[in-house]
Amino acid sequence: DPSALFAAADLVIGTPGVTTLELCVLGVPMILLVLRDIQTELGEALTGRGCARVFTLDSGAADAIARALGELAQPGVLGAMSAAAAATTDGRGAVRIAEGLAAIWREAA
C-alpha cells in the first residue's frame, strides 16, 4: 500500500506528478526531480509553497541534492515543509470537479 509507505516517510524523492499531490494530502515533504518539461510547472508551484525542493538532472544535480539533504536535516525544516504540504491541498479536488461538471451539464440542458 503506497499511501501507508508515504504516510510513514519523513521525506520522499520522486518526480512532479499526481503522486506529489497525494504526498501533499499526507503532509510529506519532497525532493522532486524534473525529468520532462511538463513537470516543471508543478515542481515550481510546490517549491513556491515550501513543501518541495526541485532539481533538474544536469551536471550539478548530485551536488545540489546533497546540499539540499544537508539543509533538510536542520531542525524544523522537514516539519515546516510537512505543514506546507498539508496546507497545499484540502482533499476536495474530486468534489470540485464533480460540482464543475454538474454546473456545465445544467447550463447545457
Protein backbone atom coordinates (compact mmCIF):
# COMPACT_ATOMS: atom_id res chain seq x y z
CA ASP A 1 0.00 0.00 0.00
CA PRO A 2 1.91 3.07 -1.22
CA SER A 3 -0.12 5.52 0.85
CA ALA A 4 0.91 3.74 4.06
CA LEU A 5 4.56 3.89 2.99
CA PHE A 6 4.24 7.57 2.09
CA ALA A 7 2.50 8.41 5.37
CA ALA A 8 5.35 6.80 7.32
CA ALA A 9 8.07 8.62 5.35
CA ASP A 10 9.97 11.66 6.61
CA LEU A 11 10.83 12.64 3.02
CA VAL A 12 10.03 11.26 -0.43
CA ILE A 13 12.19 11.59 -3.53
CA GLY A 14 10.22 11.45 -6.77
CA THR A 15 9.07 13.37 -9.82
CA PRO A 16 6.35 16.04 -10.04
CA GLY A 17 3.01 14.44 -10.89
CA VAL A 18 -0.20 13.11 -9.42
CA THR A 19 1.65 11.28 -6.65
CA THR A 20 3.08 14.58 -5.41
CA LEU A 21 -0.46 15.80 -4.79
CA GLU A 22 -1.14 12.64 -2.78
CA LEU A 23 2.02 13.39 -0.80
CA CYS A 24 0.67 16.87 -0.09
CA VAL A 25 -2.57 15.43 1.29
CA LEU A 26 -0.44 13.26 3.60
CA GLY A 27 1.84 16.19 4.53
CA VAL A 28 5.01 14.56 3.24
CA PRO A 29 7.97 16.78 2.24
CA MET A 30 9.51 16.06 -1.16
CA ILE A 31 12.63 16.27 -3.25
CA LEU A 32 11.44 16.31 -6.84
CA LEU A 33 13.47 15.53 -9.94
CA VAL A 34 12.16 17.15 -13.12
CA LEU A 35 12.68 14.68 -15.96
CA ARG A 36 10.33 16.24 -18.52
CA ASP A 37 9.39 19.84 -19.31
CA ILE A 38 5.74 19.12 -18.45
CA GLN A 39 6.78 18.52 -14.81
CA THR A 40 8.38 21.94 -14.36
CA GLU A 41 5.24 23.96 -13.56
CA LEU A 42 4.03 21.64 -10.81
CA GLY A 43 7.53 21.34 -9.36
CA GLU A 44 7.92 25.11 -9.23
CA ALA A 45 4.47 25.54 -7.68
CA LEU A 46 5.25 23.07 -4.90
CA THR A 47 8.62 24.69 -4.31
CA GLY A 48 6.90 28.07 -4.08
CA ARG A 49 4.56 26.69 -1.42
CA GLY A 50 7.53 25.43 0.58
CA CYS A 51 6.74 21.73 0.50
CA ALA A 52 9.34 20.57 -2.02
CA ARG A 53 12.82 21.14 -3.35
CA VAL A 54 13.05 20.67 -7.11
CA PHE A 55 16.05 19.73 -9.23
CA THR A 56 16.78 19.02 -12.86
CA LEU A 57 19.23 16.29 -13.75
CA ASP A 58 22.04 18.46 -15.03
CA SER A 59 25.76 18.18 -14.33
CA GLY A 60 25.46 19.85 -10.92
CA ALA A 61 22.40 17.93 -9.71
CA ALA A 62 24.19 15.48 -7.44
CA ASP A 63 25.96 18.25 -5.53
CA ALA A 64 22.81 20.37 -5.33
CA ILE A 65 20.77 17.46 -3.99
CA ALA A 66 23.49 16.63 -1.45
CA ARG A 67 23.42 20.25 -0.22
CA ALA A 68 19.62 20.16 -0.03
CA LEU A 69 19.71 16.99 2.05
CA GLY A 70 22.06 18.74 4.46
CA GLU A 71 19.67 21.69 4.71
CA LEU A 72 16.69 19.40 5.22
CA ALA A 73 18.48 17.76 8.14
CA GLN A 74 18.40 21.03 10.07
CA PRO A 75 15.91 21.15 12.97
CA GLY A 76 12.42 22.18 11.96
CA VAL A 77 12.93 22.20 8.20
CA LEU A 78 11.09 18.97 7.41
CA GLY A 79 8.34 19.90 9.86
CA ALA A 80 7.81 23.22 8.10
CA MET A 81 7.79 21.50 4.71
CA SER A 82 5.31 18.93 6.02
CA ALA A 83 2.96 21.67 7.26
CA ALA A 84 3.28 23.47 3.92
CA ALA A 85 2.49 20.27 2.02
CA ALA A 86 -0.58 19.57 4.13
CA ALA A 87 -1.80 23.14 3.60
CA THR A 88 -1.45 22.81 -0.18
CA THR A 89 -4.43 20.54 -0.68
CA ASP A 90 -7.73 20.01 1.07
CA GLY A 91 -8.62 16.61 -0.37
CA ARG A 92 -11.74 18.04 -2.05
CA GLY A 93 -10.47 18.14 -5.62
CA ALA A 94 -12.77 15.38 -6.87
CA VAL A 95 -15.77 17.13 -5.30
CA ARG A 96 -14.87 20.41 -7.01
CA ILE A 97 -14.50 18.65 -10.37
CA ALA A 98 -17.88 16.93 -9.94
CA GLU A 99 -19.53 20.23 -8.99
CA GLY A 100 -17.98 21.94 -12.01
CA LEU A 101 -19.15 19.21 -14.37
CA ALA A 102 -22.65 19.31 -12.87
CA ALA A 103 -22.78 23.08 -13.44
CA ILE A 104 -21.72 22.63 -17.07
CA TRP A 105 -24.39 19.99 -17.60
CA ARG A 106 -27.06 22.19 -16.01
CA GLU A 107 -26.13 25.09 -18.30
CA ALA A 108 -26.18 22.84 -21.36
CA ALA A 109 -29.63 21.40 -20.52
